[in-house]
Amino acid sequence: ALALLTACDAGAGDSGAPSASSVATASAPVTATTVAAPPSAQGPLTKKWFELQAGDCLADPPPTDPSVVTVSVVDCAIPHSAEVYLRAPVEVNAAIADVADRQCNAGFAQYTGQSVGGGPLVVTYLIDSNQDRTSNDPLPSTVICLLQAAKGGPLTGSARR
C-alpha cells in the first residue's frame, strides 16, 4: 500500500489505498540555495517515487494520484517543485501523520540548517508501505520527506547546507 501525505493532513484512510492532500498557489521562485548544485546537461530522469533519495529534486510536485508511480528528477540548479531531504524507516503501525511529522521535522534542520515553520519552505512527505507479511521486518515502511516552497512556487538550487 502506498500513501502520499502532507505534513498538515493525514491523507491515508483505512482502505489501504493511497491518498493525498495538497494546496499550491503560483508565486515567484523561492531560492533555497545554500549550496548550488553544479549545472548538468542532462534532461530530467524518470524514477519511481519510492526510490527517491535525499538530494533528488522533482520537476513537478509529488504525485497525488495513486496510479502515478514515476516522477521526473532534475538537477537542483534548475527550477523545481520539491527536494527530497530524508528517507527514514518507520514501523508499519506507526506510518501515520504524527510519526512522519516528527521524522521529517527532525531531519529538516539537519539537512537545511533552518528550523521548520515560518520560513520560505514547507515539509511534505510520501510514505512507502512496502509490507511483506511473510517476513518479520519491524520497519517495513519508509517516510520520504520533501521540502517545497511555502507559497507553491518553484525552488532554485538545493536547500542542503
N, C-alpha and C. Protein backbone atom coordinates (compact mmCIF):
# COMPACT_ATOMS: atom_id res chain seq x y z
N ALA A 1 0.85 -1.18 0.00
CA ALA A 1 0.00 0.00 0.00
C ALA A 1 0.88 1.23 0.00
N LEU A 2 0.55 2.21 -0.78
CA LEU A 2 1.32 3.44 -0.87
C LEU A 2 0.45 4.58 -0.37
N ALA A 3 1.06 5.55 0.28
CA ALA A 3 0.30 6.70 0.74
C ALA A 3 1.08 7.97 0.53
N LEU A 4 0.42 9.03 0.12
CA LEU A 4 1.01 10.35 -0.03
C LEU A 4 0.32 11.24 0.97
N LEU A 5 1.11 11.91 1.78
CA LEU A 5 0.55 12.76 2.83
C LEU A 5 1.27 14.08 2.83
N THR A 6 0.61 15.11 3.34
CA THR A 6 1.30 16.36 3.62
C THR A 6 1.43 16.47 5.12
N ALA A 7 2.35 17.30 5.56
CA ALA A 7 2.66 17.39 6.97
C ALA A 7 1.47 17.87 7.80
N CYS A 8 0.51 18.51 7.20
CA CYS A 8 -0.61 19.04 7.97
C CYS A 8 -1.86 18.20 7.83
N ASP A 9 -1.81 17.12 7.04
CA ASP A 9 -3.02 16.36 6.81
C ASP A 9 -2.70 14.89 6.71
N ALA A 10 -3.34 14.08 7.52
CA ALA A 10 -3.18 12.63 7.42
C ALA A 10 -4.12 12.17 6.35
N GLY A 11 -3.62 11.99 5.13
CA GLY A 11 -4.47 11.68 4.00
C GLY A 11 -4.76 10.22 3.82
N ALA A 12 -4.10 9.31 4.52
CA ALA A 12 -4.31 7.89 4.30
C ALA A 12 -5.55 7.44 5.05
N GLY A 13 -6.40 6.70 4.37
CA GLY A 13 -7.59 6.15 5.00
C GLY A 13 -7.36 4.72 5.39
N ASP A 14 -8.39 4.06 5.87
CA ASP A 14 -8.28 2.67 6.30
C ASP A 14 -8.33 1.70 5.14
N SER A 15 -8.63 2.18 3.93
CA SER A 15 -8.78 1.28 2.80
C SER A 15 -7.46 0.74 2.30
N GLY A 16 -6.34 1.32 2.71
CA GLY A 16 -5.04 0.89 2.23
C GLY A 16 -4.69 1.52 0.91
N ALA A 17 -5.64 2.25 0.30
CA ALA A 17 -5.37 2.90 -0.97
C ALA A 17 -4.62 4.20 -0.72
N PRO A 18 -3.73 4.56 -1.62
CA PRO A 18 -3.00 5.81 -1.46
C PRO A 18 -3.96 6.98 -1.49
N SER A 19 -3.61 8.02 -0.78
CA SER A 19 -4.41 9.23 -0.81
C SER A 19 -3.48 10.41 -0.71
N ALA A 20 -4.02 11.59 -0.97
CA ALA A 20 -3.17 12.77 -0.97
C ALA A 20 -3.96 13.99 -0.59
N SER A 21 -3.22 15.00 -0.17
CA SER A 21 -3.83 16.29 0.13
C SER A 21 -2.76 17.34 -0.05
N SER A 22 -3.04 18.34 -0.87
CA SER A 22 -2.10 19.43 -1.01
C SER A 22 -2.80 20.64 -1.58
N VAL A 23 -2.25 21.80 -1.30
CA VAL A 23 -2.74 23.06 -1.84
C VAL A 23 -1.54 23.79 -2.37
N ALA A 24 -1.62 24.27 -3.60
CA ALA A 24 -0.50 25.00 -4.17
C ALA A 24 -1.01 26.26 -4.84
N THR A 25 -0.24 27.32 -4.75
CA THR A 25 -0.55 28.55 -5.44
C THR A 25 0.68 28.99 -6.20
N ALA A 26 0.49 29.68 -7.29
CA ALA A 26 1.62 30.13 -8.09
C ALA A 26 2.27 31.33 -7.41
N SER A 27 3.58 31.40 -7.49
CA SER A 27 4.32 32.53 -6.96
C SER A 27 5.69 32.58 -7.60
N ALA A 28 6.44 33.58 -7.25
CA ALA A 28 7.79 33.72 -7.78
C ALA A 28 8.67 32.61 -7.23
N PRO A 29 9.74 32.25 -7.94
CA PRO A 29 10.63 31.19 -7.46
C PRO A 29 11.21 31.51 -6.09
N VAL A 30 11.33 30.50 -5.26
CA VAL A 30 11.96 30.64 -3.95
C VAL A 30 13.37 30.10 -4.10
N THR A 31 14.34 30.87 -3.70
CA THR A 31 15.71 30.40 -3.77
C THR A 31 16.05 29.73 -2.45
N ALA A 32 16.25 28.43 -2.50
CA ALA A 32 16.57 27.65 -1.31
C ALA A 32 18.06 27.41 -1.23
N THR A 33 18.80 28.06 -2.09
CA THR A 33 20.21 27.77 -2.24
C THR A 33 21.04 28.17 -1.03
N THR A 34 21.71 27.20 -0.48
CA THR A 34 22.79 27.47 0.44
C THR A 34 24.06 26.95 -0.21
N VAL A 35 23.92 25.92 -1.02
CA VAL A 35 24.99 25.38 -1.83
C VAL A 35 24.38 25.02 -3.17
N ALA A 36 24.78 25.68 -4.23
CA ALA A 36 24.20 25.42 -5.54
C ALA A 36 24.76 24.13 -6.12
N ALA A 37 23.88 23.35 -6.70
CA ALA A 37 24.30 22.13 -7.37
C ALA A 37 24.93 22.52 -8.71
N PRO A 38 25.93 21.78 -9.16
CA PRO A 38 26.55 22.12 -10.44
C PRO A 38 25.56 21.90 -11.58
N PRO A 39 25.59 22.76 -12.60
CA PRO A 39 24.67 22.58 -13.71
C PRO A 39 24.95 21.27 -14.44
N SER A 40 23.90 20.74 -15.02
CA SER A 40 24.01 19.46 -15.71
C SER A 40 23.40 19.58 -17.09
N ALA A 41 24.01 18.96 -18.07
CA ALA A 41 23.48 18.97 -19.42
C ALA A 41 22.38 17.93 -19.58
N GLN A 42 22.22 17.06 -18.60
CA GLN A 42 21.20 16.02 -18.68
C GLN A 42 19.82 16.60 -18.51
N GLY A 43 18.86 16.00 -19.20
CA GLY A 43 17.48 16.36 -19.01
C GLY A 43 16.93 15.61 -17.81
N PRO A 44 15.63 15.71 -17.59
CA PRO A 44 15.02 15.01 -16.46
C PRO A 44 15.20 13.50 -16.55
N LEU A 45 15.37 12.88 -15.39
CA LEU A 45 15.44 11.42 -15.31
C LEU A 45 14.11 10.93 -14.73
N THR A 46 13.64 9.80 -15.21
CA THR A 46 12.42 9.22 -14.67
C THR A 46 12.81 8.22 -13.59
N LYS A 47 12.15 8.34 -12.44
CA LYS A 47 12.45 7.50 -11.30
C LYS A 47 11.14 7.12 -10.61
N LYS A 48 11.07 5.94 -10.03
CA LYS A 48 9.91 5.58 -9.22
C LYS A 48 9.97 6.38 -7.93
N TRP A 49 8.85 6.97 -7.51
CA TRP A 49 8.90 7.88 -6.36
C TRP A 49 9.38 7.19 -5.10
N PHE A 50 9.13 5.90 -4.95
CA PHE A 50 9.56 5.21 -3.73
C PHE A 50 11.05 4.89 -3.75
N GLU A 51 11.75 5.21 -4.85
CA GLU A 51 13.20 5.05 -4.93
C GLU A 51 13.93 6.38 -4.76
N LEU A 52 13.20 7.46 -4.49
CA LEU A 52 13.83 8.77 -4.33
C LEU A 52 14.81 8.76 -3.17
N GLN A 53 15.90 9.51 -3.31
CA GLN A 53 16.94 9.61 -2.29
C GLN A 53 17.13 11.08 -1.90
N ALA A 54 17.70 11.32 -0.72
CA ALA A 54 18.00 12.69 -0.28
C ALA A 54 18.84 13.38 -1.35
N GLY A 55 18.48 14.61 -1.67
CA GLY A 55 19.18 15.38 -2.69
C GLY A 55 18.52 15.32 -4.05
N ASP A 56 17.56 14.42 -4.26
CA ASP A 56 16.83 14.37 -5.53
C ASP A 56 15.86 15.55 -5.59
N CYS A 57 15.79 16.22 -6.74
CA CYS A 57 14.86 17.33 -6.94
C CYS A 57 13.82 16.93 -7.98
N LEU A 58 12.56 17.18 -7.68
CA LEU A 58 11.45 16.80 -8.54
C LEU A 58 11.03 17.96 -9.43
N ALA A 59 10.87 17.69 -10.71
CA ALA A 59 10.44 18.72 -11.65
C ALA A 59 9.03 19.19 -11.31
N ASP A 60 8.18 18.28 -10.88
CA ASP A 60 6.79 18.58 -10.58
C ASP A 60 6.52 18.25 -9.12
N PRO A 61 5.40 18.75 -8.58
CA PRO A 61 5.07 18.40 -7.18
C PRO A 61 4.96 16.89 -7.01
N PRO A 62 5.14 16.39 -5.77
CA PRO A 62 4.99 14.96 -5.53
C PRO A 62 3.61 14.49 -6.00
N PRO A 63 3.51 13.27 -6.51
CA PRO A 63 2.24 12.81 -7.05
C PRO A 63 1.15 12.70 -5.98
N THR A 64 -0.07 13.06 -6.39
CA THR A 64 -1.23 12.90 -5.51
C THR A 64 -2.15 11.81 -6.03
N ASP A 65 -1.93 11.41 -7.26
CA ASP A 65 -2.72 10.34 -7.87
C ASP A 65 -2.07 9.00 -7.54
N PRO A 66 -2.79 8.09 -6.90
CA PRO A 66 -2.20 6.81 -6.50
C PRO A 66 -1.73 5.95 -7.68
N SER A 67 -2.20 6.24 -8.89
CA SER A 67 -1.76 5.45 -10.03
C SER A 67 -0.43 5.94 -10.60
N VAL A 68 0.03 7.12 -10.17
CA VAL A 68 1.30 7.67 -10.65
C VAL A 68 2.44 7.07 -9.83
N VAL A 69 3.32 6.37 -10.51
CA VAL A 69 4.43 5.69 -9.84
C VAL A 69 5.75 6.38 -10.13
N THR A 70 5.87 7.04 -11.26
CA THR A 70 7.15 7.67 -11.63
C THR A 70 7.08 9.18 -11.49
N VAL A 71 8.25 9.77 -11.25
CA VAL A 71 8.41 11.22 -11.16
C VAL A 71 9.60 11.61 -12.02
N SER A 72 9.66 12.88 -12.39
CA SER A 72 10.80 13.41 -13.13
C SER A 72 11.75 14.07 -12.15
N VAL A 73 12.99 13.59 -12.13
CA VAL A 73 14.03 14.13 -11.26
C VAL A 73 14.94 14.99 -12.11
N VAL A 74 15.21 16.22 -11.63
CA VAL A 74 16.02 17.18 -12.37
C VAL A 74 17.18 17.64 -11.51
N ASP A 75 18.13 18.29 -12.13
CA ASP A 75 19.24 18.92 -11.42
C ASP A 75 18.66 20.02 -10.53
N CYS A 76 19.08 20.09 -9.30
CA CYS A 76 18.56 21.08 -8.35
C CYS A 76 18.91 22.51 -8.74
N ALA A 77 19.87 22.71 -9.63
CA ALA A 77 20.27 24.05 -10.04
C ALA A 77 19.20 24.71 -10.92
N ILE A 78 18.32 23.92 -11.53
CA ILE A 78 17.26 24.49 -12.34
C ILE A 78 15.97 24.53 -11.51
N PRO A 79 15.02 25.39 -11.87
CA PRO A 79 13.77 25.46 -11.10
C PRO A 79 13.10 24.09 -10.99
N HIS A 80 12.64 23.79 -9.78
CA HIS A 80 11.99 22.51 -9.49
C HIS A 80 10.93 22.71 -8.42
N SER A 81 10.09 21.71 -8.23
CA SER A 81 8.96 21.84 -7.30
C SER A 81 9.23 21.33 -5.91
N ALA A 82 10.12 20.35 -5.76
CA ALA A 82 10.36 19.75 -4.44
C ALA A 82 11.75 19.15 -4.40
N GLU A 83 12.28 19.01 -3.18
CA GLU A 83 13.58 18.39 -2.96
C GLU A 83 13.45 17.36 -1.84
N VAL A 84 13.95 16.16 -2.09
CA VAL A 84 13.95 15.12 -1.07
C VAL A 84 15.09 15.41 -0.11
N TYR A 85 14.81 15.37 1.19
CA TYR A 85 15.89 15.62 2.15
C TYR A 85 16.07 14.51 3.17
N LEU A 86 15.18 13.52 3.21
CA LEU A 86 15.33 12.45 4.19
C LEU A 86 14.52 11.23 3.79
N ARG A 87 15.08 10.05 4.04
CA ARG A 87 14.37 8.77 3.99
C ARG A 87 14.54 8.16 5.37
N ALA A 88 13.44 7.77 6.00
CA ALA A 88 13.54 7.21 7.34
C ALA A 88 12.61 6.00 7.47
N PRO A 89 13.12 4.89 7.98
CA PRO A 89 12.27 3.71 8.18
C PRO A 89 11.31 3.94 9.34
N VAL A 90 10.09 3.42 9.20
CA VAL A 90 9.10 3.51 10.27
C VAL A 90 8.36 2.20 10.39
N GLU A 91 7.86 1.94 11.59
CA GLU A 91 7.07 0.74 11.82
C GLU A 91 5.78 0.86 11.05
N VAL A 92 5.24 -0.27 10.61
CA VAL A 92 4.02 -0.26 9.82
C VAL A 92 2.87 0.39 10.58
N ASN A 93 2.73 0.13 11.83
CA ASN A 93 1.62 0.71 12.59
C ASN A 93 1.89 2.14 12.99
N ALA A 94 3.13 2.62 12.76
CA ALA A 94 3.48 3.99 13.11
C ALA A 94 3.51 4.88 11.88
N ALA A 95 3.24 4.34 10.71
CA ALA A 95 3.31 5.11 9.47
C ALA A 95 2.10 6.02 9.35
N ILE A 96 1.99 6.96 10.27
CA ILE A 96 0.88 7.90 10.30
C ILE A 96 1.44 9.31 10.42
N ALA A 97 0.56 10.27 10.30
CA ALA A 97 0.99 11.67 10.19
C ALA A 97 1.88 12.15 11.34
N ASP A 98 1.56 11.85 12.59
CA ASP A 98 2.37 12.40 13.69
C ASP A 98 3.79 11.84 13.68
N VAL A 99 3.96 10.57 13.35
CA VAL A 99 5.29 9.98 13.30
C VAL A 99 6.06 10.55 12.10
N ALA A 100 5.40 10.66 10.96
CA ALA A 100 6.05 11.23 9.78
C ALA A 100 6.44 12.68 10.05
N ASP A 101 5.55 13.44 10.70
CA ASP A 101 5.88 14.82 11.04
C ASP A 101 7.14 14.89 11.90
N ARG A 102 7.22 14.06 12.93
CA ARG A 102 8.40 14.07 13.81
C ARG A 102 9.67 13.72 13.04
N GLN A 103 9.61 12.66 12.23
CA GLN A 103 10.78 12.24 11.46
C GLN A 103 11.22 13.36 10.51
N CYS A 104 10.28 13.91 9.76
CA CYS A 104 10.61 14.94 8.77
C CYS A 104 11.07 16.23 9.42
N ASN A 105 10.41 16.64 10.50
CA ASN A 105 10.82 17.88 11.18
C ASN A 105 12.23 17.76 11.75
N ALA A 106 12.57 16.61 12.32
CA ALA A 106 13.92 16.40 12.86
C ALA A 106 14.96 16.43 11.75
N GLY A 107 14.68 15.83 10.63
CA GLY A 107 15.62 15.78 9.52
C GLY A 107 15.76 17.11 8.79
N PHE A 108 14.73 17.96 8.84
CA PHE A 108 14.74 19.24 8.13
C PHE A 108 15.88 20.14 8.62
N ALA A 109 15.98 20.30 9.93
CA ALA A 109 17.03 21.16 10.49
C ALA A 109 18.41 20.62 10.17
N GLN A 110 18.56 19.32 10.22
CA GLN A 110 19.85 18.71 9.93
C GLN A 110 20.25 18.94 8.47
N TYR A 111 19.30 18.85 7.56
CA TYR A 111 19.57 18.98 6.12
C TYR A 111 19.77 20.44 5.72
N THR A 112 18.92 21.34 6.26
CA THR A 112 18.92 22.73 5.81
C THR A 112 19.65 23.70 6.74
N GLY A 113 19.79 23.33 8.01
CA GLY A 113 20.36 24.24 8.99
C GLY A 113 19.34 25.27 9.46
N GLN A 114 18.07 25.10 9.09
CA GLN A 114 16.98 26.01 9.47
C GLN A 114 15.96 25.25 10.30
N SER A 115 15.18 25.99 11.08
CA SER A 115 14.10 25.33 11.81
C SER A 115 12.85 25.26 10.93
N VAL A 116 11.98 24.34 11.25
CA VAL A 116 10.75 24.15 10.49
C VAL A 116 9.75 25.23 10.84
N GLY A 117 9.06 25.73 9.85
CA GLY A 117 7.96 26.67 10.07
C GLY A 117 8.38 28.11 9.99
N GLY A 118 7.53 28.91 9.40
CA GLY A 118 7.74 30.34 9.35
C GLY A 118 8.68 30.82 8.26
N GLY A 119 9.40 29.92 7.63
CA GLY A 119 10.33 30.30 6.58
C GLY A 119 9.73 30.11 5.20
N PRO A 120 10.57 30.17 4.17
CA PRO A 120 10.08 30.05 2.80
C PRO A 120 9.82 28.60 2.36
N LEU A 121 10.11 27.63 3.25
CA LEU A 121 9.97 26.22 2.89
C LEU A 121 8.96 25.51 3.79
N VAL A 122 8.26 24.54 3.22
CA VAL A 122 7.35 23.70 3.98
C VAL A 122 7.72 22.24 3.76
N VAL A 123 7.27 21.40 4.68
CA VAL A 123 7.57 19.97 4.65
C VAL A 123 6.38 19.20 4.08
N THR A 124 6.67 18.28 3.22
CA THR A 124 5.70 17.34 2.66
C THR A 124 6.35 15.97 2.72
N TYR A 125 5.58 14.91 2.67
CA TYR A 125 6.20 13.59 2.66
C TYR A 125 5.35 12.58 1.94
N LEU A 126 6.01 11.53 1.55
CA LEU A 126 5.38 10.35 0.95
C LEU A 126 5.67 9.19 1.90
N ILE A 127 4.75 8.26 2.00
CA ILE A 127 5.00 7.07 2.82
C ILE A 127 4.90 5.85 1.91
N ASP A 128 5.98 5.11 1.86
CA ASP A 128 6.03 3.86 1.11
C ASP A 128 5.83 2.73 2.10
N SER A 129 4.66 2.12 2.05
CA SER A 129 4.38 0.99 2.93
C SER A 129 4.65 -0.29 2.16
N ASN A 130 5.90 -0.69 2.17
CA ASN A 130 6.34 -1.89 1.47
C ASN A 130 6.22 -3.07 2.41
N GLN A 131 5.01 -3.52 2.60
CA GLN A 131 4.75 -4.56 3.58
C GLN A 131 4.81 -5.94 2.96
N ASP A 132 5.57 -6.79 3.56
CA ASP A 132 5.64 -8.19 3.19
C ASP A 132 5.28 -8.97 4.44
N ARG A 133 4.08 -9.39 4.52
CA ARG A 133 3.59 -10.04 5.74
C ARG A 133 4.20 -11.43 5.95
N THR A 134 5.01 -11.90 5.01
CA THR A 134 5.66 -13.20 5.19
C THR A 134 6.99 -13.08 5.91
N SER A 135 7.47 -11.86 6.09
CA SER A 135 8.75 -11.68 6.79
C SER A 135 8.52 -10.98 8.12
N ASN A 136 9.51 -11.00 8.96
CA ASN A 136 9.41 -10.38 10.27
C ASN A 136 10.24 -9.10 10.26
N ASP A 137 9.82 -8.11 9.46
CA ASP A 137 10.53 -6.84 9.33
C ASP A 137 9.82 -5.82 10.21
N PRO A 138 10.45 -5.35 11.30
CA PRO A 138 9.78 -4.40 12.18
C PRO A 138 9.66 -2.99 11.58
N LEU A 139 10.41 -2.70 10.53
CA LEU A 139 10.38 -1.37 9.91
C LEU A 139 10.10 -1.49 8.41
N PRO A 140 8.91 -1.96 8.04
CA PRO A 140 8.64 -2.19 6.62
C PRO A 140 8.25 -0.95 5.82
N SER A 141 8.01 0.16 6.47
CA SER A 141 7.60 1.36 5.75
C SER A 141 8.72 2.40 5.77
N THR A 142 8.65 3.32 4.82
CA THR A 142 9.64 4.38 4.72
C THR A 142 8.92 5.70 4.52
N VAL A 143 9.28 6.70 5.33
CA VAL A 143 8.78 8.05 5.09
C VAL A 143 9.84 8.76 4.26
N ILE A 144 9.40 9.37 3.15
CA ILE A 144 10.28 10.10 2.25
C ILE A 144 9.90 11.58 2.40
N CYS A 145 10.78 12.35 3.04
CA CYS A 145 10.49 13.75 3.37
C CYS A 145 10.97 14.66 2.24
N LEU A 146 10.11 15.59 1.87
CA LEU A 146 10.42 16.55 0.82
C LEU A 146 10.17 17.96 1.33
N LEU A 147 10.88 18.92 0.78
CA LEU A 147 10.59 20.31 1.08
C LEU A 147 10.10 20.97 -0.19
N GLN A 148 9.23 21.95 -0.01
CA GLN A 148 8.67 22.71 -1.12
C GLN A 148 8.60 24.17 -0.71
N ALA A 149 8.38 25.05 -1.69
CA ALA A 149 8.21 26.48 -1.40
C ALA A 149 6.90 26.66 -0.65
N ALA A 150 6.92 27.46 0.40
CA ALA A 150 5.73 27.68 1.22
C ALA A 150 4.57 28.26 0.41
N LYS A 151 4.86 29.04 -0.61
CA LYS A 151 3.79 29.65 -1.41
C LYS A 151 3.53 28.89 -2.71
N GLY A 152 4.10 27.71 -2.85
CA GLY A 152 3.81 26.86 -4.00
C GLY A 152 4.61 27.14 -5.25
N GLY A 153 5.49 28.09 -5.24
CA GLY A 153 6.29 28.40 -6.43
C GLY A 153 7.46 27.46 -6.57
N PRO A 154 8.24 27.64 -7.62
CA PRO A 154 9.41 26.78 -7.83
C PRO A 154 10.57 27.14 -6.90
N LEU A 155 11.43 26.16 -6.67
CA LEU A 155 12.67 26.33 -5.92
C LEU A 155 13.80 26.41 -6.93
N THR A 156 14.88 27.10 -6.57
CA THR A 156 16.07 27.13 -7.41
C THR A 156 17.25 26.84 -6.51
N GLY A 157 18.04 25.84 -6.84
CA GLY A 157 19.17 25.43 -6.03
C GLY A 157 18.72 24.43 -4.97
N SER A 158 19.68 23.94 -4.24
CA SER A 158 19.41 22.96 -3.18
C SER A 158 19.33 23.66 -1.83
N ALA A 159 18.51 23.12 -0.95
CA ALA A 159 18.40 23.66 0.41
C ALA A 159 19.41 23.00 1.34
N ARG A 160 20.17 22.04 0.81
CA ARG A 160 21.17 21.34 1.64
C ARG A 160 22.22 22.34 2.09
N ARG A 161 22.54 22.28 3.39
CA ARG A 161 23.57 23.21 3.89
C ARG A 161 24.94 22.69 3.64
